[in-house]
Amino acid sequence: MDAQEVAEASSTTMWASDRASGLLGMEIVEVGPGSATVSMVVRPDMINGRDVCHGGFIASLADSAFALACNSHGEVAVAAGFEITFLESARAGDTLLAAAAERTTRGRTGIYDVTVTRTAPAPTTIAEFRGRSHSLGRPIT
C-alpha cells in the first residue's frame, strides 16, 4: 500500500471503534499521511452555563483529528500530551472543523498542530491545539 492507502486504512480501523467521537457526532472529512480533518456540529447539549460550547468538546474534536493524523502511518500512537488555546467561542448550530498536520517526528515522538475553525458565516479560528504523540511501535490492526 502507498502512504495514502495506509492513512485511509488506519483511520477506518480506528474510527470503527471510536465510540466517543461517534457519540459526539464527529465525522472524518479527509485523512492523509500525517494529516486529518474532522467535523462536528455543536449541539444544544454541548453548551455550557455561558451559552457557548464547552471547551472540553472543542478539545475533544481537536484530539480526534490529532489521533487520526498521528496514527496515519500505520503504527499505533497515543497522546503524550497536548495544549489548547481558545481564541473564539462556538455556539449551538456551529459547524466546527479540526484540521491536524504533522509538524515533526523523531524516533517514536511526533508533534502535531490542529486548527479548529467555525465554518460560517465566514471561516473563523476558534482554537489552536498542539499535540505530542508517542508511537508504540506496533501496527494498527
Protein backbone atom coordinates (compact mmCIF):
# COMPACT_ATOMS: atom_id res chain seq x y z
CA MET A 1 0.00 0.00 0.00
CA ASP A 2 1.11 3.57 -0.61
CA ALA A 3 1.13 6.19 2.17
CA GLN A 4 -2.38 7.47 1.36
CA GLU A 5 -3.83 3.96 1.41
CA VAL A 6 -2.16 3.28 4.78
CA ALA A 7 -3.63 6.52 6.18
CA GLU A 8 -7.11 5.61 4.94
CA ALA A 9 -6.92 2.03 6.25
CA SER A 10 -5.61 3.21 9.63
CA SER A 11 -8.40 5.77 10.00
CA THR A 12 -11.07 3.26 9.03
CA THR A 13 -9.83 0.80 11.65
CA MET A 14 -9.52 3.43 14.39
CA TRP A 15 -12.83 5.19 13.67
CA ALA A 16 -14.78 1.91 13.71
CA SER A 17 -14.06 1.51 17.42
CA ASP A 18 -14.02 5.20 18.44
CA ARG A 19 -17.36 5.40 20.22
CA ALA A 20 -16.60 8.75 21.88
CA SER A 21 -16.11 10.61 18.59
CA GLY A 22 -19.19 8.92 17.16
CA LEU A 23 -21.35 9.87 20.14
CA LEU A 24 -20.26 13.50 19.71
CA GLY A 25 -21.36 13.39 16.06
CA MET A 26 -17.87 13.81 14.62
CA GLU A 27 -17.23 12.89 11.00
CA ILE A 28 -14.00 12.35 9.11
CA VAL A 29 -13.69 14.87 6.28
CA GLU A 30 -10.32 13.70 4.98
CA VAL A 31 -7.17 11.88 6.01
CA GLY A 32 -3.69 11.67 4.58
CA PRO A 33 -0.20 10.76 5.71
CA GLY A 34 0.33 12.87 8.84
CA SER A 35 -2.92 14.80 8.45
CA ALA A 36 -6.64 14.62 9.13
CA THR A 37 -9.69 16.87 9.12
CA VAL A 38 -12.72 16.11 11.30
CA SER A 39 -16.03 17.99 11.57
CA MET A 40 -18.58 18.36 14.37
CA VAL A 41 -21.80 20.32 14.71
CA VAL A 42 -22.19 21.97 18.13
CA ARG A 43 -25.39 20.58 19.66
CA PRO A 44 -27.52 22.21 22.39
CA ASP A 45 -26.30 19.59 24.90
CA MET A 46 -22.71 20.83 24.33
CA ILE A 47 -23.49 24.33 25.59
CA ASN A 48 -22.19 25.48 28.99
CA GLY A 49 -23.57 27.97 31.53
CA ARG A 50 -22.28 30.92 29.47
CA ASP A 51 -24.33 29.86 26.42
CA VAL A 52 -21.23 28.82 24.44
CA CYS A 53 -19.75 25.44 23.53
CA HIS A 54 -17.94 23.84 26.46
CA GLY A 55 -14.20 23.91 25.82
CA GLY A 56 -13.92 20.19 26.51
CA PHE A 57 -15.93 19.42 23.37
CA ILE A 58 -13.68 21.64 21.25
CA ALA A 59 -10.62 19.93 22.75
CA SER A 60 -12.19 16.53 22.02
CA LEU A 61 -12.71 17.47 18.39
CA ALA A 62 -9.08 18.60 18.06
CA ASP A 63 -7.89 15.48 19.87
CA SER A 64 -9.79 13.22 17.46
CA ALA A 65 -8.20 14.89 14.43
CA PHE A 66 -4.80 14.65 16.15
CA ALA A 67 -5.36 10.93 16.83
CA LEU A 68 -6.17 10.21 13.20
CA ALA A 69 -3.14 12.18 11.99
CA CYS A 70 -0.62 10.60 14.35
CA ASN A 71 -1.91 7.10 13.62
CA SER A 72 -1.98 7.65 9.85
CA HIS A 73 1.36 5.92 9.27
CA GLY A 74 0.01 2.50 10.24
CA GLU A 75 1.57 2.30 13.72
CA VAL A 76 -0.36 2.65 16.97
CA ALA A 77 0.35 6.06 18.51
CA VAL A 78 -1.03 7.55 21.70
CA ALA A 79 -1.15 11.08 23.05
CA ALA A 80 1.76 12.03 25.30
CA GLY A 81 0.13 15.41 25.98
CA PHE A 82 -1.44 18.46 24.41
CA GLU A 83 -2.18 22.08 25.00
CA ILE A 84 -5.00 24.14 23.56
CA THR A 85 -5.58 27.86 23.27
CA PHE A 86 -9.14 29.10 22.81
CA LEU A 87 -9.49 32.19 20.63
CA GLU A 88 -13.23 32.49 19.97
CA SER A 89 -16.43 30.93 21.24
CA ALA A 90 -18.60 28.47 19.37
CA ARG A 91 -22.38 28.33 19.73
CA ALA A 92 -25.14 25.79 19.19
CA GLY A 93 -25.55 25.05 15.49
CA ASP A 94 -21.99 25.99 14.55
CA THR A 95 -20.11 23.53 12.36
CA LEU A 96 -16.51 23.18 13.52
CA LEU A 97 -13.60 21.75 11.53
CA ALA A 98 -10.41 20.47 13.13
CA ALA A 99 -7.50 20.24 10.68
CA ALA A 100 -4.47 18.35 12.02
CA ALA A 101 -1.00 18.48 10.47
CA GLU A 102 2.19 16.68 11.40
CA ARG A 103 4.99 19.11 12.19
CA THR A 104 7.85 16.74 13.00
CA THR A 105 8.68 13.23 14.14
CA ARG A 106 11.80 11.90 15.82
CA GLY A 107 12.03 8.25 16.77
CA ARG A 108 8.74 7.41 18.43
CA THR A 109 7.77 11.04 19.19
CA GLY A 110 5.65 13.30 16.99
CA ILE A 111 4.38 16.87 17.18
CA TYR A 112 1.09 17.81 15.53
CA ASP A 113 -0.77 21.11 15.23
CA VAL A 114 -4.55 21.28 14.95
CA THR A 115 -6.51 24.38 13.97
CA VAL A 116 -10.20 24.39 14.87
CA THR A 117 -12.35 26.71 12.78
CA ARG A 118 -16.03 27.68 12.67
CA THR A 119 -17.12 27.37 9.04
CA ALA A 120 -19.87 30.02 8.83
CA PRO A 121 -20.74 32.78 8.34
CA ALA A 122 -17.03 33.14 7.48
CA PRO A 123 -14.18 30.81 8.46
CA THR A 124 -13.03 31.85 11.94
CA THR A 125 -10.28 30.25 14.01
CA ILE A 126 -11.77 29.01 17.29
CA ALA A 127 -8.75 27.27 18.83
CA GLU A 128 -5.15 26.18 18.26
CA PHE A 129 -4.03 22.82 19.64
CA ARG A 130 -0.55 21.26 19.80
CA GLY A 131 -0.34 17.55 20.48
CA ARG A 132 2.61 15.32 21.28
CA SER A 133 2.37 11.67 20.28
CA HIS A 134 4.25 8.53 21.22
CA SER A 135 4.33 5.56 18.86
CA LEU A 136 4.02 2.14 20.48
CA GLY A 137 5.90 0.52 17.59
CA ARG A 138 3.18 -1.94 16.64
CA PRO A 139 0.89 -1.99 13.61
CA ILE A 140 -2.71 -0.85 13.67
CA THR A 141 -4.87 -3.93 13.22
